[in-house]
Protein backbone atom coordinates (compact mmCIF):
# COMPACT_ATOMS: atom_id res chain seq x y z
CA MET A 1 -11.36 15.03 5.30
CA PRO A 2 -12.62 13.12 2.33
CA GLY A 3 -10.14 12.84 -0.60
CA THR A 4 -10.38 14.94 -3.78
CA ILE A 5 -9.82 14.32 -7.56
CA LEU A 6 -6.97 16.42 -8.66
CA ASP A 7 -5.04 16.66 -12.16
CA LEU A 8 -1.60 15.13 -12.26
CA ALA A 9 -0.01 18.23 -11.64
CA GLU A 10 -2.30 19.27 -8.81
CA LEU A 11 -1.48 15.98 -7.40
CA GLN A 12 2.08 16.54 -7.56
CA GLN A 13 1.84 19.92 -6.06
CA ALA A 14 -0.04 18.53 -3.05
CA LEU A 15 2.44 15.64 -2.33
CA LYS A 16 5.00 15.65 0.32
CA PRO A 17 8.56 15.74 -0.91
CA ALA A 18 9.25 12.33 0.03
CA ALA A 19 6.10 10.45 -0.04
CA ALA A 20 5.02 7.19 -2.12
CA VAL A 21 2.26 7.11 -4.18
CA ILE A 22 0.59 3.93 -5.35
CA GLY A 23 -1.09 3.12 -8.64
CA LEU A 24 -4.09 0.74 -9.34
CA ASP A 25 -5.42 -1.14 -12.25
CA LEU A 26 -9.21 -1.45 -11.32
CA GLY A 27 -10.49 -4.64 -13.24
CA THR A 28 -13.40 -6.38 -12.94
CA LYS A 29 -11.95 -9.14 -10.60
CA THR A 30 -8.98 -7.73 -9.12
CA ILE A 31 -7.06 -4.59 -8.47
CA GLY A 32 -3.72 -4.32 -9.32
CA VAL A 33 -1.67 -2.23 -6.98
CA ALA A 34 1.84 -0.77 -7.43
CA ILE A 35 3.79 1.54 -5.43
CA SER A 36 6.26 4.31 -5.91
CA ASP A 37 9.30 4.74 -4.12
CA LEU A 38 9.85 7.75 -1.79
CA GLY A 39 11.29 10.11 -4.55
CA ARG A 40 8.28 9.13 -6.86
CA ARG A 41 10.76 8.00 -9.85
CA ILE A 42 10.02 4.10 -9.83
CA ALA A 43 6.95 2.14 -9.81
CA SER A 44 6.71 -1.42 -8.69
CA PRO A 45 4.25 -4.03 -8.79
CA LEU A 46 3.24 -4.53 -4.90
CA VAL A 47 0.05 -6.96 -4.69
CA LEU A 48 -2.84 -8.00 -6.33
CA ILE A 49 -6.25 -7.68 -4.51
CA ASN A 50 -8.95 -10.34 -5.58
CA ARG A 51 -12.03 -8.27 -5.71
CA VAL A 52 -14.97 -9.34 -3.38
CA LYS A 53 -17.39 -6.44 -2.90
CA PHE A 54 -16.78 -2.70 -2.51
CA THR A 55 -16.43 -2.62 1.19
CA GLN A 56 -13.87 -5.07 1.28
CA ASP A 57 -12.08 -4.13 -1.62
CA VAL A 58 -11.70 -0.55 -0.01
CA GLU A 59 -10.63 -1.93 3.26
CA ALA A 60 -7.78 -3.75 1.54
CA LEU A 61 -6.67 -0.53 -0.01
CA ILE A 62 -7.00 1.50 3.07
CA LYS A 63 -4.81 -1.00 4.93
CA ILE A 64 -2.24 -0.62 2.03
CA ILE A 65 -2.40 3.12 2.15
CA GLY A 66 -1.71 3.16 5.83
CA GLN A 67 1.07 0.83 5.96
CA ARG A 68 2.59 2.17 3.07
CA GLU A 69 2.18 5.99 4.25
CA VAL A 70 0.67 6.57 0.86
CA ALA A 71 0.45 10.40 0.08
CA GLY A 72 -1.63 10.12 -3.40
CA ILE A 73 -3.32 7.55 -5.76
CA VAL A 74 -3.22 7.22 -9.33
CA ILE A 75 -5.92 4.98 -10.95
CA GLY A 76 -6.02 3.89 -14.57
CA LEU A 77 -8.87 5.22 -16.50
CA PRO A 78 -9.70 2.86 -18.98
CA LEU A 79 -10.63 5.00 -22.25
CA ASN A 80 -11.94 3.91 -25.45
CA MET A 81 -9.24 4.15 -28.19
CA ASP A 82 -11.15 7.28 -29.70
CA GLY A 83 -10.33 8.71 -26.09
CA SER A 84 -14.30 8.72 -25.05
CA GLU A 85 -15.49 7.23 -21.83
CA GLY A 86 -17.66 3.63 -21.89
CA PRO A 87 -19.01 1.56 -19.03
CA ARG A 88 -15.27 0.51 -17.42
CA ALA A 89 -14.41 4.44 -17.16
CA GLN A 90 -17.64 5.04 -15.68
CA ALA A 91 -17.45 2.11 -13.32
CA THR A 92 -13.82 3.50 -12.50
CA ARG A 93 -15.21 6.95 -11.78
CA ALA A 94 -17.92 5.58 -9.70
CA PHE A 95 -15.53 3.65 -7.64
CA VAL A 96 -13.62 6.75 -7.11
CA ARG A 97 -16.54 8.83 -6.24
CA ASN A 98 -17.60 5.95 -3.36
CA LEU A 99 -13.49 5.48 -2.35
CA LEU A 100 -12.88 9.20 -1.52
CA PRO A 101 -15.22 9.93 1.26
CA LYS A 102 -13.36 7.15 3.12
CA ILE A 103 -10.00 8.39 2.30
CA ASP A 104 -8.05 11.34 3.17
CA ILE A 105 -5.84 11.30 0.14
CA SER A 106 -6.23 12.74 -3.55
CA VAL A 107 -6.56 10.50 -6.31
CA SER A 108 -5.66 11.49 -9.91
CA PHE A 109 -6.80 9.30 -12.90
CA TRP A 110 -4.20 8.55 -15.94
CA ASP A 111 -5.00 7.44 -19.39
CA GLU A 112 -4.84 3.48 -19.06
CA ARG A 113 -5.08 2.81 -22.90
CA LEU A 114 -2.90 -0.17 -23.99
CA SER A 115 -1.36 -0.70 -20.58
CA THR A 116 -2.45 -4.23 -20.33
CA VAL A 117 -1.62 -4.92 -23.84
CA ALA A 118 1.98 -3.53 -23.11
CA VAL A 119 2.31 -5.67 -20.04
CA THR A 120 1.19 -8.91 -21.48
CA ARG A 121 3.53 -8.34 -24.63
CA THR A 122 6.33 -7.92 -22.03
CA LEU A 123 5.56 -10.97 -20.36
CA LEU A 124 4.93 -13.09 -23.49
CA GLU A 125 8.53 -12.03 -24.71
CA ALA A 126 9.59 -13.18 -21.45
CA ASP A 127 8.00 -16.55 -22.05
CA THR A 128 5.85 -16.13 -19.19
CA SER A 129 3.25 -19.22 -18.54
CA ARG A 130 -0.03 -18.57 -19.33
CA LYS A 131 -0.85 -19.22 -15.47
CA ARG A 132 1.72 -16.62 -14.47
CA ARG A 133 0.84 -14.15 -16.85
CA GLY A 134 -2.32 -14.34 -14.98
CA GLU A 135 -1.22 -13.68 -11.77
CA LEU A 136 1.08 -10.50 -13.07
CA VAL A 137 -0.70 -8.98 -15.42
CA ASP A 138 -2.84 -6.66 -13.41
CA LYS A 139 0.04 -5.65 -10.61
CA MET A 140 2.42 -5.14 -13.81
CA ALA A 141 -0.49 -2.98 -15.62
CA ALA A 142 -0.90 -0.85 -12.31
CA ALA A 143 3.38 -0.25 -12.22
CA PHE A 144 3.00 0.61 -16.10
CA ILE A 145 0.21 3.02 -15.07
CA LEU A 146 1.97 4.32 -12.06
CA GLN A 147 5.35 4.78 -14.17
CA GLY A 148 3.51 6.83 -16.99
CA ALA A 149 2.54 9.13 -14.33
CA LEU A 150 5.73 9.15 -12.37
CA ASP A 151 7.38 9.95 -15.46
CA ARG A 152 4.76 12.81 -16.41
CA MET A 153 5.18 14.33 -12.88
CA GLN A 154 9.09 14.45 -13.34
CA LYS A 155 8.47 15.96 -16.84
CA ILE A 156 6.11 19.00 -15.12
CA THR A 157 8.74 19.49 -12.45
CA ARG A 158 11.45 19.85 -15.03
CA ASP A 159 9.33 22.17 -16.98
CA LEU A 160 8.39 24.33 -14.17
CA ALA A 161 12.33 24.33 -13.27
CA ASP A 162 13.18 25.71 -16.70
CA ALA A 163 10.50 28.33 -16.39
CA ARG A 164 11.69 29.67 -13.60
CA ASP A 165 15.37 29.65 -14.93
CA GLU A 166 13.92 31.71 -18.18
CA ASP A 167 12.77 34.24 -15.67
CA GLN A 168 15.85 34.78 -13.89
CA PRO A 169 17.91 37.52 -15.51
CA PHE A 170 21.46 36.68 -16.82
CA GLY A 171 24.23 35.88 -14.26
CA GLN A 172 21.51 35.38 -11.59
CA MET A 173 20.90 32.01 -10.68
C-alpha cells in the first residue's frame, strides 16, 4: 500500500504507540536524516545521504526505514519567509509525490524556515570548523525539523488529554 500525506495531528494518530519517526532535510546535494526515539520525544541526527539520483536516494531511505522500523516521516518544507511556496518547496513536494508509491508509511510536512540558520548559528557558537559544519549541518537541520514536529505532537497529545479531562464530570477521572 502506498504511503500518504497527512497533517501532523493525523500522522500522530496513525502511528503505533512505540515507533520511531524519521525527519528529512531535503537538500539539492544531500538529504539529512534524523530519527526519533520510540517514544517520539527526542530527535537525533542519524545520517547524511549524498544525493545521486532519485532512485538511489529512495533506495537509501527505504533501507533506513526498514532497518529502523520507521513508522512515519516528517520532511522539512522550505517555505519562503512570507509563507509562500517557491521552487524548493515545489521540488520537495515533487520528491514526496514520487516517494509515496514506493513506501507504505505516511509523510507529514513541517515548516523548516530558518532551521539551517539556527543549526549553523549553533555550530558557529560551538566553534565548529567550516569543513565540519558542512558535514553536520544537514543532519542537524533534519534533527531540528524533527524535534519541532515531535514537540508539536507532544502538545497535541497534551491538548487532547486536557480536553478529555474537561469533558469528565467533577470527581470522575
